[in-house]
N, C-alpha and C. Protein backbone atom coordinates (compact mmCIF):
# COMPACT_ATOMS: atom_id res chain seq x y z
N UNK A 1 62.01 105.02 111.51
CA UNK A 1 63.12 105.78 110.93
C UNK A 1 64.43 105.00 111.03
N UNK A 2 64.65 104.42 112.27
CA UNK A 2 65.88 103.65 112.46
C UNK A 2 65.93 102.42 111.56
N UNK A 3 64.77 101.81 111.32
CA UNK A 3 64.72 100.62 110.44
C UNK A 3 65.19 100.98 109.05
N UNK A 4 64.78 102.14 108.56
CA UNK A 4 65.19 102.57 107.22
C UNK A 4 66.69 102.82 107.17
N UNK A 5 67.22 103.42 108.24
CA UNK A 5 68.65 103.68 108.27
C UNK A 5 69.45 102.39 108.33
N UNK A 6 68.97 101.43 109.13
CA UNK A 6 69.66 100.13 109.20
C UNK A 6 69.66 99.44 107.84
N UNK A 7 68.55 99.59 107.10
CA UNK A 7 68.47 98.99 105.77
C UNK A 7 69.51 99.61 104.85
N UNK A 8 69.67 100.94 104.97
CA UNK A 8 70.65 101.64 104.14
C UNK A 8 72.06 101.18 104.47
N UNK A 9 72.33 101.00 105.77
CA UNK A 9 73.64 100.51 106.20
C UNK A 9 73.91 99.14 105.61
N UNK A 10 72.92 98.26 105.66
CA UNK A 10 73.08 96.90 105.15
C UNK A 10 73.42 96.91 103.66
N UNK A 11 72.71 97.74 102.91
CA UNK A 11 72.96 97.82 101.46
C UNK A 11 74.36 98.34 101.20
N UNK A 12 74.77 99.39 101.94
CA UNK A 12 76.10 99.94 101.74
C UNK A 12 77.18 98.92 102.06
N UNK A 13 76.99 98.17 103.13
CA UNK A 13 77.98 97.16 103.51
C UNK A 13 78.11 96.09 102.42
N UNK A 14 76.99 95.69 101.86
CA UNK A 14 77.00 94.65 100.85
C UNK A 14 77.73 95.07 99.58
N UNK A 15 77.63 96.38 99.24
CA UNK A 15 78.26 96.83 98.00
C UNK A 15 79.67 97.35 98.23
N UNK A 16 80.11 97.40 99.46
CA UNK A 16 81.44 97.93 99.77
C UNK A 16 82.50 96.86 99.61
N UNK A 17 83.54 97.18 98.87
CA UNK A 17 84.65 96.23 98.72
C UNK A 17 85.35 96.06 100.06
N UNK A 18 85.96 94.87 100.26
CA UNK A 18 86.54 94.52 101.56
C UNK A 18 87.59 95.51 102.05
N UNK A 19 88.55 95.96 101.22
CA UNK A 19 89.55 96.89 101.75
C UNK A 19 88.93 98.17 102.31
N UNK A 20 87.93 98.70 101.63
CA UNK A 20 87.27 99.90 102.12
C UNK A 20 86.56 99.65 103.43
N UNK A 21 85.95 98.49 103.58
CA UNK A 21 85.22 98.16 104.80
C UNK A 21 86.19 98.00 105.97
N UNK A 22 87.35 97.42 105.69
CA UNK A 22 88.36 97.31 106.73
C UNK A 22 88.80 98.69 107.20
N UNK A 23 88.92 99.61 106.25
CA UNK A 23 89.24 100.99 106.60
C UNK A 23 88.19 101.54 107.56
N UNK A 24 86.95 101.29 107.24
CA UNK A 24 85.83 101.77 108.06
C UNK A 24 85.93 101.21 109.49
N UNK A 25 86.18 99.92 109.59
CA UNK A 25 86.25 99.28 110.90
C UNK A 25 87.40 99.85 111.73
N UNK A 26 88.55 100.03 111.09
CA UNK A 26 89.69 100.56 111.80
C UNK A 26 89.42 101.97 112.29
N UNK A 27 88.79 102.78 111.44
CA UNK A 27 88.49 104.16 111.82
C UNK A 27 87.47 104.19 112.95
N UNK A 28 86.43 103.37 112.84
CA UNK A 28 85.37 103.35 113.85
C UNK A 28 85.91 102.94 115.21
N UNK A 29 86.94 102.11 115.22
CA UNK A 29 87.53 101.66 116.47
C UNK A 29 88.60 102.61 116.99
N UNK A 30 88.80 103.74 116.29
CA UNK A 30 89.79 104.70 116.74
C UNK A 30 91.21 104.29 116.43
N UNK A 31 91.39 103.39 115.47
CA UNK A 31 92.72 102.93 115.12
C UNK A 31 92.98 103.22 113.64
N UNK A 32 92.74 104.46 113.26
CA UNK A 32 92.87 104.84 111.87
C UNK A 32 94.33 104.77 111.41
N UNK A 33 94.64 103.84 110.54
CA UNK A 33 95.99 103.69 110.02
C UNK A 33 96.11 104.35 108.65
N UNK A 34 95.06 104.97 108.18
CA UNK A 34 95.03 105.60 106.87
C UNK A 34 94.88 107.10 107.03
N UNK A 35 95.57 107.85 106.19
CA UNK A 35 95.40 109.29 106.20
C UNK A 35 94.08 109.63 105.51
N UNK A 36 93.27 110.51 106.09
CA UNK A 36 92.04 110.92 105.41
C UNK A 36 92.40 111.64 104.12
N UNK A 37 91.51 111.58 103.15
CA UNK A 37 91.76 112.23 101.88
C UNK A 37 91.68 113.75 102.04
N UNK A 38 92.55 114.43 101.33
CA UNK A 38 92.55 115.89 101.36
C UNK A 38 91.30 116.43 100.66
N UNK A 39 90.98 117.68 100.93
CA UNK A 39 89.92 118.39 100.22
C UNK A 39 90.58 119.54 99.48
N UNK A 40 90.50 119.52 98.15
CA UNK A 40 91.23 120.46 97.32
C UNK A 40 90.42 121.72 97.01
N UNK A 41 91.15 122.78 96.65
CA UNK A 41 90.50 124.02 96.25
C UNK A 41 90.54 125.06 97.35
N UNK A 42 90.10 126.27 97.01
CA UNK A 42 90.10 127.36 98.00
C UNK A 42 89.16 127.07 99.16
N UNK A 43 89.53 127.58 100.33
CA UNK A 43 88.74 127.37 101.55
C UNK A 43 88.40 128.72 102.17
N UNK A 44 87.24 128.82 102.77
CA UNK A 44 86.81 130.04 103.43
C UNK A 44 86.42 129.71 104.87
N UNK A 45 86.90 130.51 105.81
CA UNK A 45 86.52 130.32 107.21
C UNK A 45 85.17 131.00 107.42
N UNK A 46 84.20 130.22 107.89
CA UNK A 46 82.84 130.73 108.07
C UNK A 46 82.68 131.41 109.42
N UNK A 47 81.61 132.19 109.56
CA UNK A 47 81.29 132.83 110.84
C UNK A 47 80.64 131.83 111.80
N UNK A 48 80.07 130.78 111.22
CA UNK A 48 79.45 129.75 112.05
C UNK A 48 80.53 128.79 112.56
N UNK A 49 80.15 127.99 113.54
CA UNK A 49 81.11 127.03 114.07
C UNK A 49 80.51 126.21 115.20
N UNK A 50 81.38 125.57 115.98
CA UNK A 50 80.91 124.74 117.09
C UNK A 50 81.94 124.84 118.22
N UNK A 51 81.51 124.43 119.41
CA UNK A 51 82.40 124.47 120.56
C UNK A 51 83.03 123.10 120.80
N UNK A 52 84.29 123.12 121.16
CA UNK A 52 85.01 121.89 121.48
C UNK A 52 85.87 122.18 122.71
N UNK A 53 85.57 121.47 123.82
CA UNK A 53 86.27 121.70 125.08
C UNK A 53 86.23 123.18 125.48
N UNK A 54 85.08 123.80 125.23
CA UNK A 54 84.91 125.19 125.61
C UNK A 54 85.45 126.21 124.63
N UNK A 55 86.12 125.76 123.58
CA UNK A 55 86.68 126.67 122.58
C UNK A 55 85.80 126.70 121.33
N UNK A 56 85.64 127.87 120.75
CA UNK A 56 84.85 128.01 119.53
C UNK A 56 85.71 127.64 118.32
N UNK A 57 85.24 126.64 117.54
CA UNK A 57 85.94 126.19 116.35
C UNK A 57 85.12 126.63 115.13
N UNK A 58 85.64 127.57 114.32
CA UNK A 58 84.87 128.02 113.15
C UNK A 58 84.76 126.93 112.09
N UNK A 59 83.64 126.91 111.38
CA UNK A 59 83.47 125.97 110.27
C UNK A 59 84.32 126.42 109.08
N UNK A 60 84.64 125.45 108.23
CA UNK A 60 85.37 125.74 107.00
C UNK A 60 84.45 125.45 105.81
N UNK A 61 84.35 126.42 104.91
CA UNK A 61 83.57 126.22 103.69
C UNK A 61 84.55 125.83 102.59
N UNK A 62 84.38 124.62 102.06
CA UNK A 62 85.30 124.11 101.05
C UNK A 62 84.75 124.35 99.64
N UNK A 63 85.68 124.37 98.70
CA UNK A 63 85.31 124.51 97.30
C UNK A 63 84.41 123.35 96.87
N UNK A 64 83.37 123.66 96.13
CA UNK A 64 82.46 122.65 95.59
C UNK A 64 82.23 122.90 94.10
N UNK A 65 81.87 121.85 93.38
CA UNK A 65 81.52 122.03 91.98
C UNK A 65 80.32 122.95 91.87
N UNK A 66 80.34 123.89 90.94
CA UNK A 66 79.18 124.77 90.76
C UNK A 66 78.08 124.03 90.00
N UNK A 67 76.87 124.57 89.98
CA UNK A 67 75.81 123.97 89.15
C UNK A 67 76.24 123.96 87.69
N UNK A 68 75.89 122.89 86.98
CA UNK A 68 76.23 122.80 85.55
C UNK A 68 75.18 121.97 84.83
N UNK A 69 75.12 122.14 83.53
CA UNK A 69 74.26 121.32 82.69
C UNK A 69 75.01 120.98 81.41
N UNK A 70 75.23 119.69 81.18
CA UNK A 70 75.86 119.21 79.96
C UNK A 70 74.86 118.29 79.26
N UNK A 71 75.31 117.58 78.25
CA UNK A 71 74.41 116.72 77.47
C UNK A 71 74.95 115.31 77.40
N UNK A 72 74.09 114.33 77.68
CA UNK A 72 74.47 112.92 77.62
C UNK A 72 74.34 112.35 76.22
N UNK A 73 74.71 111.09 76.05
CA UNK A 73 74.68 110.45 74.74
C UNK A 73 73.28 110.32 74.17
N UNK A 74 72.27 110.35 75.04
CA UNK A 74 70.89 110.27 74.56
C UNK A 74 70.31 111.64 74.20
N UNK A 75 71.16 112.67 74.28
CA UNK A 75 70.72 114.01 73.93
C UNK A 75 70.01 114.74 75.06
N UNK A 76 69.87 114.10 76.20
CA UNK A 76 69.18 114.72 77.33
C UNK A 76 70.18 115.45 78.22
N UNK A 77 69.70 116.50 78.91
CA UNK A 77 70.60 117.24 79.80
C UNK A 77 71.02 116.42 81.00
N UNK A 78 72.25 116.62 81.42
CA UNK A 78 72.80 115.99 82.62
C UNK A 78 73.35 117.11 83.49
N UNK A 79 72.78 117.27 84.67
CA UNK A 79 73.23 118.34 85.57
C UNK A 79 73.90 117.74 86.79
N UNK A 80 74.37 118.61 87.67
CA UNK A 80 75.00 118.13 88.91
C UNK A 80 74.02 117.33 89.75
N UNK A 81 72.72 117.51 89.53
CA UNK A 81 71.71 116.76 90.30
C UNK A 81 71.80 115.26 90.03
N UNK A 82 72.33 114.88 88.87
CA UNK A 82 72.47 113.45 88.53
C UNK A 82 73.43 112.75 89.48
N UNK A 83 74.28 113.53 90.16
CA UNK A 83 75.29 112.96 91.04
C UNK A 83 75.01 113.27 92.51
N UNK A 84 73.78 113.63 92.80
CA UNK A 84 73.42 113.96 94.17
C UNK A 84 73.66 112.77 95.09
N UNK A 85 74.45 112.97 96.12
CA UNK A 85 74.74 111.90 97.07
C UNK A 85 75.63 110.81 96.51
N UNK A 86 76.25 111.05 95.35
CA UNK A 86 77.10 110.05 94.71
C UNK A 86 78.57 110.45 94.75
N UNK A 87 79.41 109.46 94.64
CA UNK A 87 80.84 109.66 94.43
C UNK A 87 81.07 109.52 92.92
N UNK A 88 81.88 110.41 92.34
CA UNK A 88 82.15 110.19 90.92
C UNK A 88 83.55 110.64 90.53
N UNK A 89 84.00 110.07 89.43
CA UNK A 89 85.32 110.37 88.87
C UNK A 89 85.10 111.05 87.53
N UNK A 90 85.77 112.17 87.30
CA UNK A 90 85.62 112.91 86.05
C UNK A 90 86.95 113.03 85.32
N UNK A 91 86.87 113.05 83.99
CA UNK A 91 88.05 113.25 83.17
C UNK A 91 87.68 113.98 81.90
N UNK A 92 88.67 114.59 81.25
CA UNK A 92 88.45 115.32 80.01
C UNK A 92 89.22 114.65 78.88
N UNK A 93 88.70 114.76 77.66
CA UNK A 93 89.31 114.08 76.51
C UNK A 93 88.72 114.67 75.23
N UNK A 94 89.21 114.23 74.07
CA UNK A 94 88.51 114.42 72.81
C UNK A 94 88.80 113.20 71.94
N UNK A 95 87.88 112.83 71.11
CA UNK A 95 87.92 111.52 70.45
C UNK A 95 89.06 111.36 69.47
N UNK A 96 89.54 112.45 68.87
CA UNK A 96 90.58 112.35 67.84
C UNK A 96 91.95 112.76 68.37
N UNK A 97 92.12 112.76 69.70
CA UNK A 97 93.41 113.15 70.27
C UNK A 97 94.40 112.00 70.13
N UNK A 98 95.69 112.27 70.39
CA UNK A 98 96.69 111.20 70.35
C UNK A 98 96.37 110.09 71.35
N UNK A 99 97.22 109.12 71.41
CA UNK A 99 96.95 107.89 72.15
C UNK A 99 96.68 108.08 73.63
N UNK A 100 97.11 109.21 74.21
CA UNK A 100 96.96 109.38 75.66
C UNK A 100 95.49 109.32 76.09
N UNK A 101 94.58 109.88 75.28
CA UNK A 101 93.16 109.85 75.64
C UNK A 101 92.64 108.42 75.71
N UNK A 102 93.05 107.62 74.74
CA UNK A 102 92.62 106.22 74.71
C UNK A 102 93.14 105.48 75.94
N UNK A 103 94.38 105.77 76.32
CA UNK A 103 94.96 105.14 77.51
C UNK A 103 94.19 105.53 78.77
N UNK A 104 93.90 106.82 78.89
CA UNK A 104 93.16 107.31 80.05
C UNK A 104 91.79 106.65 80.13
N UNK A 105 91.09 106.60 78.99
CA UNK A 105 89.74 106.03 79.01
C UNK A 105 89.74 104.51 79.15
N UNK A 106 90.80 103.85 78.70
CA UNK A 106 90.90 102.40 78.98
C UNK A 106 91.06 102.18 80.48
N UNK A 107 91.88 103.01 81.11
CA UNK A 107 92.04 102.91 82.57
C UNK A 107 90.75 103.25 83.29
N UNK A 108 90.02 104.23 82.76
CA UNK A 108 88.73 104.57 83.35
C UNK A 108 87.77 103.40 83.19
N UNK A 109 87.85 102.73 82.04
CA UNK A 109 87.02 101.55 81.81
C UNK A 109 87.31 100.46 82.83
N UNK A 110 88.58 100.32 83.23
CA UNK A 110 88.95 99.35 84.27
C UNK A 110 88.26 99.70 85.59
N UNK A 111 88.24 100.99 85.92
CA UNK A 111 87.59 101.43 87.15
C UNK A 111 86.08 101.20 87.08
N UNK A 112 85.51 101.47 85.92
CA UNK A 112 84.07 101.24 85.73
C UNK A 112 83.74 99.77 85.97
N UNK A 113 84.57 98.90 85.44
CA UNK A 113 84.34 97.47 85.63
C UNK A 113 84.51 97.07 87.10
N UNK A 114 85.50 97.66 87.76
CA UNK A 114 85.75 97.35 89.17
C UNK A 114 84.55 97.71 90.04
N UNK A 115 83.90 98.83 89.72
CA UNK A 115 82.78 99.32 90.54
C UNK A 115 81.43 99.18 89.84
N UNK A 116 81.34 98.25 88.91
CA UNK A 116 80.12 98.10 88.11
C UNK A 116 78.89 97.73 88.96
N UNK A 117 79.10 97.09 90.11
CA UNK A 117 77.97 96.69 90.95
C UNK A 117 77.68 97.69 92.07
N UNK A 118 78.46 98.74 92.11
CA UNK A 118 78.31 99.72 93.20
C UNK A 118 77.57 100.95 92.68
N UNK A 119 76.34 101.11 93.10
CA UNK A 119 75.51 102.20 92.60
C UNK A 119 75.85 103.56 93.20
N UNK A 120 76.80 103.58 94.11
CA UNK A 120 77.24 104.85 94.70
C UNK A 120 78.25 105.56 93.83
N UNK A 121 78.86 104.84 92.88
CA UNK A 121 80.01 105.37 92.15
C UNK A 121 79.69 105.57 90.67
N UNK A 122 79.94 106.79 90.18
CA UNK A 122 79.72 107.14 88.78
C UNK A 122 81.04 107.61 88.16
N UNK A 123 81.06 107.63 86.83
CA UNK A 123 82.23 108.08 86.09
C UNK A 123 81.78 108.97 84.94
N UNK A 124 82.55 110.01 84.64
CA UNK A 124 82.20 110.90 83.55
C UNK A 124 83.43 111.19 82.69
N UNK A 125 83.21 111.21 81.39
CA UNK A 125 84.23 111.64 80.44
C UNK A 125 83.64 112.80 79.65
N UNK A 126 84.29 113.95 79.71
CA UNK A 126 83.75 115.18 79.12
C UNK A 126 84.62 115.61 77.96
N UNK A 127 84.05 115.73 76.78
CA UNK A 127 84.83 116.14 75.62
C UNK A 127 85.17 117.62 75.69
N UNK A 128 86.39 117.97 75.25
CA UNK A 128 86.80 119.37 75.17
C UNK A 128 86.66 119.90 73.74
N UNK A 129 86.16 119.03 72.84
CA UNK A 129 85.97 119.43 71.44
C UNK A 129 84.54 119.09 70.99
N UNK A 130 83.55 119.78 71.55
CA UNK A 130 82.16 119.45 71.23
C UNK A 130 81.78 119.71 69.78
N UNK A 131 82.53 120.57 69.09
CA UNK A 131 82.21 120.85 67.70
C UNK A 131 82.42 119.62 66.81
N UNK A 132 83.52 118.91 67.02
CA UNK A 132 83.79 117.71 66.24
C UNK A 132 83.20 116.46 66.87
N UNK A 133 83.12 116.46 68.19
CA UNK A 133 82.59 115.28 68.89
C UNK A 133 81.08 115.39 69.02
N UNK A 134 80.41 115.15 67.91
CA UNK A 134 78.94 115.14 67.91
C UNK A 134 78.45 113.94 68.72
N UNK A 135 77.15 113.90 68.98
CA UNK A 135 76.61 112.76 69.73
C UNK A 135 76.86 111.45 69.00
N UNK A 136 76.77 111.47 67.67
CA UNK A 136 77.03 110.25 66.89
C UNK A 136 78.46 109.79 67.08
N UNK A 137 79.40 110.73 67.00
CA UNK A 137 80.82 110.41 67.17
C UNK A 137 81.08 109.91 68.59
N UNK A 138 80.50 110.58 69.58
CA UNK A 138 80.69 110.18 70.97
C UNK A 138 80.14 108.78 71.26
N UNK A 139 78.98 108.49 70.69
CA UNK A 139 78.38 107.16 70.90
C UNK A 139 79.29 106.07 70.37
N UNK A 140 79.80 106.27 69.17
CA UNK A 140 80.68 105.27 68.56
C UNK A 140 81.95 105.11 69.40
N UNK A 141 82.48 106.23 69.86
CA UNK A 141 83.69 106.20 70.68
C UNK A 141 83.43 105.48 72.00
N UNK A 142 82.33 105.80 72.65
CA UNK A 142 81.99 105.17 73.93
C UNK A 142 81.80 103.67 73.77
N UNK A 143 81.15 103.25 72.69
CA UNK A 143 80.90 101.83 72.45
C UNK A 143 82.19 101.05 72.25
N UNK A 144 83.24 101.73 71.77
CA UNK A 144 84.51 101.03 71.53
C UNK A 144 85.15 100.55 72.83
N UNK A 145 84.75 101.13 73.96
CA UNK A 145 85.30 100.72 75.25
C UNK A 145 84.45 99.65 75.93
N UNK A 146 83.32 99.31 75.33
CA UNK A 146 82.44 98.29 75.88
C UNK A 146 82.23 98.49 77.38
N UNK A 147 81.67 99.64 77.77
CA UNK A 147 81.52 99.94 79.20
C UNK A 147 80.73 98.88 79.95
N UNK A 148 81.23 98.53 81.13
CA UNK A 148 80.61 97.48 81.94
C UNK A 148 79.43 98.00 82.74
N UNK A 149 79.18 99.31 82.71
CA UNK A 149 78.11 99.89 83.50
C UNK A 149 77.56 101.11 82.79
N UNK A 150 76.26 101.38 82.97
CA UNK A 150 75.67 102.60 82.40
C UNK A 150 75.94 103.81 83.29
N UNK A 151 76.76 103.63 84.31
CA UNK A 151 77.13 104.76 85.18
C UNK A 151 78.43 105.42 84.70
N UNK A 152 78.87 105.08 83.49
CA UNK A 152 79.96 105.80 82.84
C UNK A 152 79.32 106.72 81.81
N UNK A 153 79.30 108.03 82.09
CA UNK A 153 78.60 109.00 81.27
C UNK A 153 79.59 109.77 80.39
N UNK A 154 79.37 109.73 79.09
CA UNK A 154 80.13 110.56 78.15
C UNK A 154 79.31 111.82 77.91
N UNK A 155 79.92 112.98 78.18
CA UNK A 155 79.17 114.22 78.17
C UNK A 155 79.76 115.25 77.21
N UNK A 156 78.88 116.08 76.67
CA UNK A 156 79.29 117.18 75.81
C UNK A 156 78.49 118.43 76.18
N UNK A 157 78.67 119.48 75.44
CA UNK A 157 77.99 120.75 75.71
C UNK A 157 78.64 121.84 74.89
N UNK A 158 78.37 123.09 75.19
CA UNK A 158 79.06 124.16 74.47
C UNK A 158 80.41 124.43 75.14
N UNK A 159 81.34 124.96 74.37
CA UNK A 159 82.70 125.13 74.88
C UNK A 159 82.76 126.08 76.09
N UNK A 160 81.92 127.09 76.09
CA UNK A 160 81.92 128.03 77.22
C UNK A 160 81.61 127.30 78.52
N UNK A 161 80.58 126.46 78.50
CA UNK A 161 80.19 125.72 79.70
C UNK A 161 81.25 124.72 80.11
N UNK A 162 81.79 123.99 79.13
CA UNK A 162 82.77 122.94 79.42
C UNK A 162 84.06 123.54 79.97
N UNK A 163 84.59 124.56 79.31
CA UNK A 163 85.86 125.14 79.73
C UNK A 163 85.73 125.84 81.08
N UNK A 164 84.59 126.49 81.31
CA UNK A 164 84.37 127.15 82.59
C UNK A 164 84.26 126.13 83.72
N UNK A 165 83.54 125.03 83.46
CA UNK A 165 83.40 123.99 84.47
C UNK A 165 84.76 123.37 84.80
N UNK A 166 85.59 123.15 83.77
CA UNK A 166 86.92 122.59 84.00
C UNK A 166 87.75 123.50 84.90
N UNK A 167 87.80 124.78 84.54
CA UNK A 167 88.68 125.71 85.26
C UNK A 167 88.13 126.10 86.63
N UNK A 168 86.84 126.45 86.69
CA UNK A 168 86.27 126.98 87.93
C UNK A 168 85.69 125.89 88.84
N UNK A 169 85.34 124.75 88.24
CA UNK A 169 84.76 123.67 89.03
C UNK A 169 85.78 122.61 89.41
N UNK A 170 86.36 121.96 88.38
CA UNK A 170 87.33 120.89 88.63
C UNK A 170 88.74 121.42 88.86
N UNK A 171 88.96 122.71 88.57
CA UNK A 171 90.25 123.37 88.79
C UNK A 171 91.37 122.75 87.95
N UNK A 172 91.04 122.46 86.67
CA UNK A 172 92.03 121.95 85.72
C UNK A 172 91.93 122.76 84.43
N UNK A 173 92.93 122.62 83.57
CA UNK A 173 92.95 123.34 82.30
C UNK A 173 92.08 122.64 81.26
N UNK A 174 91.44 123.44 80.42
CA UNK A 174 90.72 122.94 79.25
C UNK A 174 90.46 124.12 78.34
N UNK A 175 91.10 124.10 77.18
CA UNK A 175 90.89 125.19 76.21
C UNK A 175 91.40 124.77 74.84
N UNK A 176 90.92 125.48 73.83
CA UNK A 176 91.34 125.21 72.46
C UNK A 176 92.53 126.09 72.14
N UNK A 177 93.64 125.49 71.69
CA UNK A 177 94.86 126.24 71.42
C UNK A 177 95.08 126.47 69.93
N UNK A 178 94.35 125.73 69.09
CA UNK A 178 94.51 125.86 67.64
C UNK A 178 93.41 125.11 66.93
N UNK A 179 93.52 125.01 65.60
CA UNK A 179 92.47 124.35 64.82
C UNK A 179 92.23 122.92 65.27
N UNK A 180 93.29 122.21 65.59
CA UNK A 180 93.15 120.82 66.02
C UNK A 180 94.05 120.55 67.22
N UNK A 181 94.14 121.54 68.08
CA UNK A 181 95.05 121.45 69.23
C UNK A 181 94.32 121.92 70.48
N UNK A 182 94.34 121.07 71.51
CA UNK A 182 93.64 121.40 72.75
C UNK A 182 94.58 121.24 73.93
N UNK A 183 94.46 122.15 74.86
CA UNK A 183 95.18 122.04 76.13
C UNK A 183 94.16 121.55 77.15
N UNK A 184 94.42 120.40 77.71
CA UNK A 184 93.49 119.83 78.68
C UNK A 184 94.27 118.97 79.66
N UNK A 185 93.71 118.76 80.82
CA UNK A 185 94.39 118.00 81.85
C UNK A 185 94.24 116.50 81.62
N UNK A 186 95.32 115.76 81.91
CA UNK A 186 95.25 114.30 81.83
C UNK A 186 94.79 113.71 83.16
N UNK A 187 94.40 114.57 84.09
CA UNK A 187 94.04 114.10 85.43
C UNK A 187 92.61 113.55 85.47
N UNK A 188 92.45 112.51 86.26
CA UNK A 188 91.12 112.07 86.68
C UNK A 188 90.88 112.71 88.04
N UNK A 189 89.67 113.20 88.25
CA UNK A 189 89.36 113.97 89.45
C UNK A 189 88.31 113.23 90.26
N UNK A 190 88.59 113.00 91.52
CA UNK A 190 87.69 112.28 92.42
C UNK A 190 86.83 113.28 93.17
N UNK A 191 85.51 113.14 93.05
CA UNK A 191 84.55 114.05 93.67
C UNK A 191 83.72 113.28 94.69
N UNK A 192 83.57 113.87 95.88
CA UNK A 192 82.81 113.16 96.92
C UNK A 192 81.32 113.49 96.84
N UNK A 193 80.54 112.94 97.74
CA UNK A 193 79.09 113.09 97.70
C UNK A 193 78.64 114.52 97.99
N UNK A 194 79.56 115.35 98.51
CA UNK A 194 79.24 116.75 98.76
C UNK A 194 79.79 117.66 97.66
N UNK A 195 80.18 117.04 96.53
CA UNK A 195 80.70 117.75 95.34
C UNK A 195 82.01 118.48 95.62
N UNK A 196 82.82 117.92 96.53
CA UNK A 196 84.13 118.48 96.82
C UNK A 196 85.20 117.63 96.13
N UNK A 197 86.29 118.27 95.73
CA UNK A 197 87.40 117.56 95.08
C UNK A 197 88.24 116.87 96.15
N UNK A 198 88.42 115.55 96.00
CA UNK A 198 89.17 114.79 97.01
C UNK A 198 90.46 114.18 96.46
N UNK A 199 90.72 114.31 95.16
CA UNK A 199 91.97 113.78 94.64
C UNK A 199 92.14 114.01 93.16
N UNK A 200 93.43 114.10 92.74
CA UNK A 200 93.80 114.19 91.34
C UNK A 200 94.73 113.04 91.02
N UNK A 201 94.56 112.43 89.86
CA UNK A 201 95.32 111.23 89.50
C UNK A 201 95.64 111.27 88.01
N UNK A 202 96.88 110.96 87.67
CA UNK A 202 97.24 110.88 86.26
C UNK A 202 96.52 109.69 85.63
N UNK A 203 95.68 109.97 84.65
CA UNK A 203 94.86 108.91 84.05
C UNK A 203 95.63 107.89 83.27
N UNK A 204 96.90 108.20 82.94
CA UNK A 204 97.72 107.27 82.16
C UNK A 204 98.76 106.55 83.02
N UNK A 205 98.72 106.79 84.33
CA UNK A 205 99.72 106.21 85.22
C UNK A 205 99.10 105.08 86.04
N UNK A 206 99.67 103.89 85.93
CA UNK A 206 99.12 102.71 86.59
C UNK A 206 99.09 102.87 88.11
N UNK A 207 100.17 103.42 88.67
CA UNK A 207 100.20 103.60 90.12
C UNK A 207 99.11 104.55 90.60
N UNK A 208 98.87 105.60 89.83
CA UNK A 208 97.82 106.54 90.19
C UNK A 208 96.44 105.90 90.08
N UNK A 209 96.25 105.06 89.08
CA UNK A 209 94.96 104.38 88.91
C UNK A 209 94.72 103.43 90.09
N UNK A 210 95.77 102.73 90.51
CA UNK A 210 95.64 101.86 91.68
C UNK A 210 95.32 102.65 92.94
N UNK A 211 95.95 103.82 93.08
CA UNK A 211 95.67 104.68 94.23
C UNK A 211 94.23 105.18 94.19
N UNK A 212 93.77 105.55 92.99
CA UNK A 212 92.39 106.01 92.85
C UNK A 212 91.41 104.89 93.20
N UNK A 213 91.71 103.68 92.78
CA UNK A 213 90.86 102.54 93.11
C UNK A 213 90.69 102.41 94.62
N UNK A 214 91.78 102.54 95.35
CA UNK A 214 91.72 102.43 96.81
C UNK A 214 91.02 103.63 97.45
N UNK A 215 91.25 104.81 96.90
CA UNK A 215 90.70 106.01 97.54
C UNK A 215 89.21 106.18 97.27
N UNK A 216 88.71 105.56 96.22
CA UNK A 216 87.26 105.49 96.05
C UNK A 216 86.66 104.71 97.21
N UNK A 217 87.33 103.63 97.61
CA UNK A 217 86.86 102.83 98.74
C UNK A 217 86.87 103.64 100.03
N UNK A 218 87.86 104.51 100.17
CA UNK A 218 87.92 105.35 101.36
C UNK A 218 86.70 106.27 101.41
N UNK A 219 86.32 106.84 100.27
CA UNK A 219 85.14 107.70 100.24
C UNK A 219 83.86 106.92 100.53
N UNK A 220 83.79 105.70 100.04
CA UNK A 220 82.62 104.87 100.36
C UNK A 220 82.56 104.65 101.87
N UNK A 221 83.73 104.41 102.48
CA UNK A 221 83.78 104.23 103.93
C UNK A 221 83.32 105.49 104.66
N UNK A 222 83.69 106.65 104.14
CA UNK A 222 83.24 107.90 104.74
C UNK A 222 81.71 107.99 104.74
N UNK A 223 81.10 107.56 103.63
CA UNK A 223 79.64 107.58 103.56
C UNK A 223 79.03 106.63 104.58
N UNK A 224 79.67 105.49 104.79
CA UNK A 224 79.20 104.56 105.81
C UNK A 224 79.23 105.20 107.19
N UNK A 225 80.29 105.94 107.45
CA UNK A 225 80.42 106.58 108.77
C UNK A 225 79.32 107.62 108.98
N UNK A 226 78.96 108.34 107.92
CA UNK A 226 77.88 109.32 108.04
C UNK A 226 76.57 108.64 108.45
N UNK A 227 76.30 107.51 107.82
CA UNK A 227 75.06 106.78 108.15
C UNK A 227 75.15 106.25 109.58
N UNK A 228 76.35 105.77 109.96
CA UNK A 228 76.54 105.23 111.30
C UNK A 228 76.27 106.31 112.35
N UNK A 229 76.76 107.53 112.11
CA UNK A 229 76.55 108.63 113.05
C UNK A 229 75.08 109.01 113.14
N UNK A 230 74.38 108.88 112.01
CA UNK A 230 72.96 109.24 111.99
C UNK A 230 72.12 108.30 112.85
N UNK A 231 72.66 107.10 113.10
CA UNK A 231 71.93 106.12 113.90
C UNK A 231 71.99 106.44 115.39
N UNK A 232 72.96 107.28 115.77
CA UNK A 232 73.19 107.47 117.21
C UNK A 232 73.18 108.91 117.63
């Protein structure tokens, strides 16, 4: 059992970018110079808990993405199970929107290229206009960005599922306001391996994209720590 865990640690270390690994080392040595990432959304205090120095500390139940099923470019269903144990970044768009969508997805393409060798990290772009964004249209749009990895998923579905997932899952706006007008968030949303929201970032802002790049590494480091604890 330990041999398998050590193998997993080795693979994770090899795919981890240096800044994230340095974060891991500093944290493991008790010299954490980085603030841990927040967990967004409503929280519930559970009846379960643990003792610390003789005091009972109740567990906290954090908001998680609900089960969902959308459709990928190949026409096959894509559910939350596709991201089991993965870190992923999600964003909303529509193919015929003004230039902001193109800017956001170009920045997302940069992130995809940055993490193209890291199988822990996925990216999703979800259309808010599935009626006009057919699979044919989405495929052509996706190809225009020349994605560096097949872990960038362009997804569609029915409006009820998409809008509900945006509001109740990712906690952002997504709705149709007129014949060719949509209200949707320009945020990219960082989701951890437990399907919790760990950050929001303006997809068109360079500083936010740089921050997201670094904070993905922080989440990778968190996964390393989980494996490290499992060894002992």
